[in-house]
Amino acid sequence: MSEQMTPEEVEQLVRRGPFHQWLGIKVLAVQDDGVELKASWREEWVVNPDRRYTHGGILATLVDIAADWAMVTRTRRGVPTIDMRVDYHAAAMPGDLIARGRIVKWGNTFSVAEAQVFDEAGKLLASGRGTYLTAPPKA
């Protein structure tokens, strides 16, 4: 296997996507089997202006992004999501969010990764697992 990517290298790939740029994704750490990301708080994430909690779609997105980009440690490219589930544990109030993704099972065609999303205080907000197409792209 080739040398592990640096957080800067992974972030350069992640931030190629305009949606990831809008989310303010920063790569905090890269391990052999995963990544740790930070999403910068945006007022547009608020779903209920009276209660000020973040829309669940943002949390689901961060689960998907963290699990997907955990695969970068092996593929050196983003991979398509085949299936995903998310569990919500607590409301996300205004503030940056941390997502940690890790590879659970590597396969030649499909692989499985899981992710957790935390607030800045370390409270678990959401978790999930996805199946990703990790087969090499066709020539």
C-alpha atoms as a PDB file:
ATOM      1  CA  MET A   1       0.000   0.000   0.000  1.00  0.00           C
ATOM      2  CA  SER A   2       1.235   3.485  -0.743  1.00  0.00           C
ATOM      3  CA  GLU A   3       2.158   6.083   1.834  1.00  0.00           C
ATOM      4  CA  GLN A   4      -0.710   7.471   3.928  1.00  0.00           C
ATOM      5  CA  MET A   5      -2.218  10.712   2.686  1.00  0.00           C
ATOM      6  CA  THR A   6      -1.793  13.849   4.770  1.00  0.00           C
ATOM      7  CA  PRO A   7      -4.793  15.809   6.066  1.00  0.00           C
ATOM      8  CA  GLU A   8      -3.892  18.558   3.578  1.00  0.00           C
ATOM      9  CA  GLU A   9      -3.952  16.130   0.639  1.00  0.00           C
ATOM     10  CA  VAL A  10      -7.333  14.718   1.674  1.00  0.00           C
ATOM     11  CA  GLU A  11      -8.753  18.213   2.250  1.00  0.00           C
ATOM     12  CA  GLN A  12      -7.617  19.278  -1.209  1.00  0.00           C
ATOM     13  CA  LEU A  13      -9.675  16.422  -2.699  1.00  0.00           C
ATOM     14  CA  VAL A  14     -12.677  16.934  -0.409  1.00  0.00           C
ATOM     15  CA  ARG A  15     -12.879  20.667  -1.077  1.00  0.00           C
ATOM     16  CA  ARG A  16     -13.017  20.202  -4.847  1.00  0.00           C
ATOM     17  CA  GLY A  17     -16.794  19.830  -4.403  1.00  0.00           C
ATOM     18  CA  PRO A  18     -18.730  23.123  -4.111  1.00  0.00           C
ATOM     19  CA  PHE A  19     -21.128  21.552  -1.580  1.00  0.00           C
ATOM     20  CA  HIS A  20     -18.212  20.535   0.642  1.00  0.00           C
ATOM     21  CA  GLN A  21     -16.864  24.090   0.359  1.00  0.00           C
ATOM     22  CA  TRP A  22     -20.261  25.473   1.419  1.00  0.00           C
ATOM     23  CA  LEU A  23     -20.227  23.150   4.442  1.00  0.00           C
ATOM     24  CA  GLY A  24     -16.799  24.514   5.376  1.00  0.00           C
ATOM     25  CA  ILE A  25     -15.221  21.061   5.561  1.00  0.00           C
ATOM     26  CA  LYS A  26     -11.748  20.948   7.095  1.00  0.00           C
ATOM     27  CA  VAL A  27      -9.771  17.716   7.496  1.00  0.00           C
ATOM     28  CA  LEU A  28      -8.440  17.492  11.055  1.00  0.00           C
ATOM     29  CA  ALA A  29      -6.801  14.060  10.973  1.00  0.00           C
ATOM     30  CA  VAL A  30      -6.154  11.052   8.757  1.00  0.00           C
ATOM     31  CA  GLN A  31      -5.575   7.536  10.095  1.00  0.00           C
ATOM     32  CA  ASP A  32      -4.955   4.227   8.302  1.00  0.00           C
ATOM     33  CA  ASP A  33      -8.671   3.441   8.427  1.00  0.00           C
ATOM     34  CA  GLY A  34     -10.384   6.810   8.591  1.00  0.00           C
ATOM     35  CA  VAL A  35     -10.646  10.556   8.856  1.00  0.00           C
ATOM     36  CA  GLU A  36     -11.758  13.284  11.234  1.00  0.00           C
ATOM     37  CA  LEU A  37     -13.487  16.307   9.706  1.00  0.00           C
ATOM     38  CA  LYS A  38     -14.867  19.610  10.938  1.00  0.00           C
ATOM     39  CA  ALA A  39     -17.811  21.433   9.383  1.00  0.00           C
ATOM     40  CA  SER A  40     -17.982  25.167  10.077  1.00  0.00           C
ATOM     41  CA  TRP A  41     -21.305  26.380  11.492  1.00  0.00           C
ATOM     42  CA  ARG A  42     -23.685  28.156   9.086  1.00  0.00           C
ATOM     43  CA  GLU A  43     -26.902  29.949  10.005  1.00  0.00           C
ATOM     44  CA  GLU A  44     -28.565  28.276   7.000  1.00  0.00           C
ATOM     45  CA  TRP A  45     -28.392  24.943   8.851  1.00  0.00           C
ATOM     46  CA  VAL A  46     -31.133  26.067  11.285  1.00  0.00           C
ATOM     47  CA  VAL A  47     -34.413  24.271  10.597  1.00  0.00           C
ATOM     48  CA  ASN A  48     -36.454  25.781  13.441  1.00  0.00           C
ATOM     49  CA  PRO A  49     -35.711  29.470  14.118  1.00  0.00           C
ATOM     50  CA  ASP A  50     -37.436  29.315  17.518  1.00  0.00           C
ATOM     51  CA  ARG A  51     -35.422  26.358  18.825  1.00  0.00           C
ATOM     52  CA  ARG A  52     -32.294  26.939  16.628  1.00  0.00           C
ATOM     53  CA  TYR A  53     -31.370  23.299  16.038  1.00  0.00           C
ATOM     54  CA  THR A  54     -29.626  22.035  12.916  1.00  0.00           C
ATOM     55  CA  HIS A  55     -31.545  20.219  10.187  1.00  0.00           C
ATOM     56  CA  GLY A  56     -31.043  16.442  10.323  1.00  0.00           C
ATOM     57  CA  GLY A  57     -30.031  16.468   6.677  1.00  0.00           C
ATOM     58  CA  ILE A  58     -26.832  18.280   7.626  1.00  0.00           C
ATOM     59  CA  LEU A  59     -26.028  15.562  10.183  1.00  0.00           C
ATOM     60  CA  ALA A  60     -26.808  12.815   7.645  1.00  0.00           C
ATOM     61  CA  THR A  61     -24.599  14.575   5.113  1.00  0.00           C
ATOM     62  CA  LEU A  62     -21.711  14.666   7.579  1.00  0.00           C
ATOM     63  CA  VAL A  63     -22.144  10.953   8.346  1.00  0.00           C
ATOM     64  CA  ASP A  64     -21.986  10.228   4.612  1.00  0.00           C
ATOM     65  CA  ILE A  65     -19.032  12.529   3.955  1.00  0.00           C
ATOM     66  CA  ALA A  66     -16.968  11.178   6.867  1.00  0.00           C
ATOM     67  CA  ALA A  67     -17.674   7.532   6.013  1.00  0.00           C
ATOM     68  CA  ASP A  68     -17.081   8.147   2.303  1.00  0.00           C
ATOM     69  CA  TRP A  69     -13.835  10.012   2.852  1.00  0.00           C
ATOM     70  CA  ALA A  70     -12.584   7.338   5.234  1.00  0.00           C
ATOM     71  CA  MET A  71     -12.279   5.314   2.024  1.00  0.00           C
ATOM     72  CA  VAL A  72      -9.828   7.911   0.665  1.00  0.00           C
ATOM     73  CA  THR A  73      -7.178   6.344   2.896  1.00  0.00           C
ATOM     74  CA  ARG A  74      -7.222   3.423   0.444  1.00  0.00           C
ATOM     75  CA  THR A  75      -8.714   4.658  -2.842  1.00  0.00           C
ATOM     76  CA  ARG A  76      -7.199   8.168  -2.991  1.00  0.00           C
ATOM     77  CA  ARG A  77     -10.515   9.283  -4.515  1.00  0.00           C
ATOM     78  CA  GLY A  78     -14.108   9.759  -3.421  1.00  0.00           C
ATOM     79  CA  VAL A  79     -16.435   6.783  -3.852  1.00  0.00           C
ATOM     80  CA  PRO A  80     -20.187   6.579  -4.573  1.00  0.00           C
ATOM     81  CA  THR A  81     -22.602   5.795  -1.742  1.00  0.00           C
ATOM     82  CA  ILE A  82     -24.676   2.662  -2.394  1.00  0.00           C
ATOM     83  CA  ASP A  83     -26.696   2.562   0.826  1.00  0.00           C
ATOM     84  CA  MET A  84     -26.655   4.446   4.125  1.00  0.00           C
ATOM     85  CA  ARG A  85     -28.521   4.643   7.409  1.00  0.00           C
ATOM     86  CA  VAL A  86     -28.370   7.324  10.080  1.00  0.00           C
ATOM     87  CA  ASP A  87     -29.414   7.341  13.738  1.00  0.00           C
ATOM     88  CA  TYR A  88     -30.019  10.656  15.494  1.00  0.00           C
ATOM     89  CA  HIS A  89     -29.045  10.881  19.173  1.00  0.00           C
ATOM     90  CA  ALA A  90     -29.421  14.562  20.121  1.00  0.00           C
ATOM     91  CA  ALA A  91     -30.314  17.900  18.571  1.00  0.00           C
ATOM     92  CA  ALA A  92     -27.376  19.783  17.078  1.00  0.00           C
ATOM     93  CA  MET A  93     -27.390  23.348  18.329  1.00  0.00           C
ATOM     94  CA  PRO A  94     -25.420  26.194  16.678  1.00  0.00           C
ATOM     95  CA  GLY A  95     -21.699  25.489  16.513  1.00  0.00           C
ATOM     96  CA  ASP A  96     -19.117  23.667  14.445  1.00  0.00           C
ATOM     97  CA  LEU A  97     -19.543  19.914  14.068  1.00  0.00           C
ATOM     98  CA  ILE A  98     -16.926  17.156  14.133  1.00  0.00           C
ATOM     99  CA  ALA A  99     -17.395  13.988  12.074  1.00  0.00           C
ATOM    100  CA  ARG A 100     -15.261  10.878  12.419  1.00  0.00           C
ATOM    101  CA  GLY A 101     -15.403   8.150   9.797  1.00  0.00           C
ATOM    102  CA  ARG A 102     -13.694   4.774   9.712  1.00  0.00           C
ATOM    103  CA  ILE A 103     -13.603   1.767   7.442  1.00  0.00           C
ATOM    104  CA  VAL A 104     -15.403  -1.255   8.922  1.00  0.00           C
ATOM    105  CA  LYS A 105     -14.971  -3.790   6.098  1.00  0.00           C
ATOM    106  CA  TRP A 106     -12.923  -3.440   2.931  1.00  0.00           C
ATOM    107  CA  GLY A 107     -13.968  -5.289  -0.216  1.00  0.00           C
ATOM    108  CA  ASN A 108     -12.776  -5.317  -3.814  1.00  0.00           C
ATOM    109  CA  THR A 109     -16.133  -4.016  -5.081  1.00  0.00           C
ATOM    110  CA  PHE A 110     -18.136  -2.798  -2.060  1.00  0.00           C
ATOM    111  CA  SER A 111     -16.870  -1.573   1.307  1.00  0.00           C
ATOM    112  CA  VAL A 112     -18.539  -0.529   4.561  1.00  0.00           C
ATOM    113  CA  ALA A 113     -17.709   2.481   6.698  1.00  0.00           C
ATOM    114  CA  GLU A 114     -19.279   4.089   9.739  1.00  0.00           C
ATOM    115  CA  ALA A 115     -19.249   7.624  11.086  1.00  0.00           C
ATOM    116  CA  GLN A 116     -20.218   9.648  14.114  1.00  0.00           C
ATOM    117  CA  VAL A 117     -21.014  13.351  14.377  1.00  0.00           C
ATOM    118  CA  PHE A 118     -20.247  15.311  17.557  1.00  0.00           C
ATOM    119  CA  ASP A 119     -20.724  18.874  18.726  1.00  0.00           C
ATOM    120  CA  GLU A 120     -17.746  20.933  19.901  1.00  0.00           C
ATOM    121  CA  ALA A 121     -18.210  19.657  23.469  1.00  0.00           C
ATOM    122  CA  GLY A 122     -17.923  16.041  22.291  1.00  0.00           C
ATOM    123  CA  LYS A 123     -21.624  15.156  22.585  1.00  0.00           C
ATOM    124  CA  LEU A 124     -22.702  12.434  20.125  1.00  0.00           C
ATOM    125  CA  LEU A 125     -25.376  13.863  17.814  1.00  0.00           C
ATOM    126  CA  ALA A 126     -25.692  11.266  15.047  1.00  0.00           C
ATOM    127  CA  SER A 127     -24.110   8.041  13.842  1.00  0.00           C
ATOM    128  CA  GLY A 128     -24.481   5.883  10.797  1.00  0.00           C
ATOM    129  CA  ARG A 129     -23.090   3.322   8.440  1.00  0.00           C
ATOM    130  CA  GLY A 130     -22.854   3.152   4.674  1.00  0.00           C
ATOM    131  CA  THR A 131     -21.946   0.849   1.835  1.00  0.00           C
ATOM    132  CA  TYR A 132     -19.686   2.357  -0.817  1.00  0.00           C
ATOM    133  CA  LEU A 133     -18.613   1.292  -4.311  1.00  0.00           C
ATOM    134  CA  THR A 134     -14.841   0.918  -4.009  1.00  0.00           C
ATOM    135  CA  ALA A 135     -14.198  -1.016  -7.216  1.00  0.00           C
ATOM    136  CA  PRO A 136     -11.589   0.686  -9.388  1.00  0.00           C
ATOM    137  CA  PRO A 137     -13.126   2.999 -12.003  1.00  0.00           C
ATOM    138  CA  LYS A 138     -13.495   1.556 -15.480  1.00  0.00           C
ATOM    139  CA  ALA A 139     -10.873   2.716 -17.946  1.00  0.00           C
END
